[in-house]
Amino acid sequence: MRYNQALMDELNLLLHFDLDTTQQGIKVHHDADPAVIAAAVRLHDKGLITLSDGGYLTELGREANEHAQAMLNLLRESTTA
């Protein structure tokens, strides 16, 4: 299975959440890019965020975000080596 654009949109949205605090969420506004709005709905449906328009990361969402951050850092590091 490859990453498709919908999965990339979800990963990119996850990366907007700050892992340094559980007290800060995000809000996806109604006039945001439709792909971002759809990604938020899918993340909510998957149980990764608390609201369909953002909110906070769930425990599962936090774990997914940590993995997404780690993968991004790995890929960035390997391009600079």
C-alpha atoms as a PDB file:
ATOM      1  CA  MET A   1       0.000   0.000   0.000  1.00  0.00           C
ATOM      2  CA  ARG A   2       1.279   3.450  -0.869  1.00  0.00           C
ATOM      3  CA  TYR A   3       0.492   6.793   0.642  1.00  0.00           C
ATOM      4  CA  ASN A   4      -2.304   8.455  -1.275  1.00  0.00           C
ATOM      5  CA  GLN A   5      -3.187  12.135  -1.086  1.00  0.00           C
ATOM      6  CA  ALA A   6      -5.893  11.569   1.537  1.00  0.00           C
ATOM      7  CA  LEU A   7      -3.400   9.856   3.867  1.00  0.00           C
ATOM      8  CA  MET A   8      -0.841  12.585   3.246  1.00  0.00           C
ATOM      9  CA  ASP A   9      -3.465  15.195   4.155  1.00  0.00           C
ATOM     10  CA  GLU A  10      -4.158  13.332   7.397  1.00  0.00           C
ATOM     11  CA  LEU A  11      -0.457  13.054   8.255  1.00  0.00           C
ATOM     12  CA  ASN A  12       0.090  16.743   7.526  1.00  0.00           C
ATOM     13  CA  LEU A  13      -2.851  17.698   9.716  1.00  0.00           C
ATOM     14  CA  LEU A  14      -1.565  15.510  12.565  1.00  0.00           C
ATOM     15  CA  LEU A  15       1.749  17.331  12.381  1.00  0.00           C
ATOM     16  CA  HIS A  16      -0.032  20.598  13.262  1.00  0.00           C
ATOM     17  CA  PHE A  17      -0.681  19.339  16.802  1.00  0.00           C
ATOM     18  CA  ASP A  18       1.911  20.324  19.415  1.00  0.00           C
ATOM     19  CA  LEU A  19       3.267  17.247  21.196  1.00  0.00           C
ATOM     20  CA  ASP A  20       4.806  19.376  23.958  1.00  0.00           C
ATOM     21  CA  THR A  21       1.410  19.970  25.570  1.00  0.00           C
ATOM     22  CA  THR A  22      -1.942  18.262  25.855  1.00  0.00           C
ATOM     23  CA  GLN A  23      -3.614  21.601  26.564  1.00  0.00           C
ATOM     24  CA  GLN A  24      -3.389  22.963  23.026  1.00  0.00           C
ATOM     25  CA  GLY A  25      -5.596  21.773  20.197  1.00  0.00           C
ATOM     26  CA  ILE A  26      -6.332  23.019  16.717  1.00  0.00           C
ATOM     27  CA  LYS A  27      -9.401  24.338  14.920  1.00  0.00           C
ATOM     28  CA  VAL A  28     -10.061  23.607  11.243  1.00  0.00           C
ATOM     29  CA  HIS A  29     -12.250  26.468  10.081  1.00  0.00           C
ATOM     30  CA  HIS A  30     -15.172  26.035   7.692  1.00  0.00           C
ATOM     31  CA  ASP A  31     -13.347  28.061   5.025  1.00  0.00           C
ATOM     32  CA  ALA A  32     -10.174  25.939   5.154  1.00  0.00           C
ATOM     33  CA  ASP A  33      -9.043  23.896   2.162  1.00  0.00           C
ATOM     34  CA  PRO A  34     -11.677  21.176   1.576  1.00  0.00           C
ATOM     35  CA  ALA A  35      -8.948  18.516   1.695  1.00  0.00           C
ATOM     36  CA  VAL A  36      -7.954  19.669   5.192  1.00  0.00           C
ATOM     37  CA  ILE A  37     -11.576  19.675   6.352  1.00  0.00           C
ATOM     38  CA  ALA A  38     -12.041  16.149   4.994  1.00  0.00           C
ATOM     39  CA  ALA A  39      -8.799  15.003   6.649  1.00  0.00           C
ATOM     40  CA  ALA A  40     -10.024  16.295  10.014  1.00  0.00           C
ATOM     41  CA  VAL A  41     -13.302  14.413   9.636  1.00  0.00           C
ATOM     42  CA  ARG A  42     -11.443  11.198   8.768  1.00  0.00           C
ATOM     43  CA  LEU A  43      -9.049  11.589  11.704  1.00  0.00           C
ATOM     44  CA  HIS A  44     -12.028  12.074  13.998  1.00  0.00           C
ATOM     45  CA  ASP A  45     -13.788   9.038  12.523  1.00  0.00           C
ATOM     46  CA  LYS A  46     -10.614   7.003  13.165  1.00  0.00           C
ATOM     47  CA  GLY A  47     -10.516   8.155  16.786  1.00  0.00           C
ATOM     48  CA  LEU A  48      -7.314  10.181  16.466  1.00  0.00           C
ATOM     49  CA  ILE A  49      -8.779  13.614  17.293  1.00  0.00           C
ATOM     50  CA  THR A  50     -11.626  14.613  19.580  1.00  0.00           C
ATOM     51  CA  LEU A  51     -13.688  16.730  17.177  1.00  0.00           C
ATOM     52  CA  SER A  52     -14.459  16.537  13.483  1.00  0.00           C
ATOM     53  CA  ASP A  53     -13.058  20.063  13.088  1.00  0.00           C
ATOM     54  CA  GLY A  54      -9.931  19.542  15.157  1.00  0.00           C
ATOM     55  CA  GLY A  55     -10.020  19.645  18.909  1.00  0.00           C
ATOM     56  CA  TYR A  56      -7.342  17.675  20.725  1.00  0.00           C
ATOM     57  CA  LEU A  57      -5.394  14.520  20.047  1.00  0.00           C
ATOM     58  CA  THR A  58      -6.713  11.348  21.614  1.00  0.00           C
ATOM     59  CA  GLU A  59      -4.200   8.898  23.109  1.00  0.00           C
ATOM     60  CA  LEU A  60      -4.180   7.045  19.791  1.00  0.00           C
ATOM     61  CA  GLY A  61      -3.797  10.327  17.930  1.00  0.00           C
ATOM     62  CA  ARG A  62      -0.854  11.312  20.082  1.00  0.00           C
ATOM     63  CA  GLU A  63       0.832   7.990  19.326  1.00  0.00           C
ATOM     64  CA  ALA A  64       0.178   8.439  15.601  1.00  0.00           C
ATOM     65  CA  ASN A  65       1.557  11.982  15.757  1.00  0.00           C
ATOM     66  CA  GLU A  66       4.709  10.763  17.514  1.00  0.00           C
ATOM     67  CA  HIS A  67       5.259   8.190  14.758  1.00  0.00           C
ATOM     68  CA  ALA A  68       4.560  10.765  12.040  1.00  0.00           C
ATOM     69  CA  GLN A  69       7.058  13.173  13.624  1.00  0.00           C
ATOM     70  CA  ALA A  70       9.676  10.417  13.922  1.00  0.00           C
ATOM     71  CA  MET A  71       9.242   9.399  10.300  1.00  0.00           C
ATOM     72  CA  LEU A  72       9.479  12.996   9.132  1.00  0.00           C
ATOM     73  CA  ASN A  73      12.667  13.521  11.152  1.00  0.00           C
ATOM     74  CA  LEU A  74      14.178  10.307   9.805  1.00  0.00           C
ATOM     75  CA  LEU A  75      13.449  11.267   6.227  1.00  0.00           C
ATOM     76  CA  ARG A  76      14.786  14.796   6.728  1.00  0.00           C
ATOM     77  CA  GLU A  77      17.997  13.487   8.297  1.00  0.00           C
ATOM     78  CA  SER A  78      18.642  10.993   5.516  1.00  0.00           C
ATOM     79  CA  THR A  79      18.372  13.694   2.853  1.00  0.00           C
ATOM     80  CA  THR A  80      21.032  15.808   4.548  1.00  0.00           C
ATOM     81  CA  ALA A  81      23.520  12.959   4.992  1.00  0.00           C
END
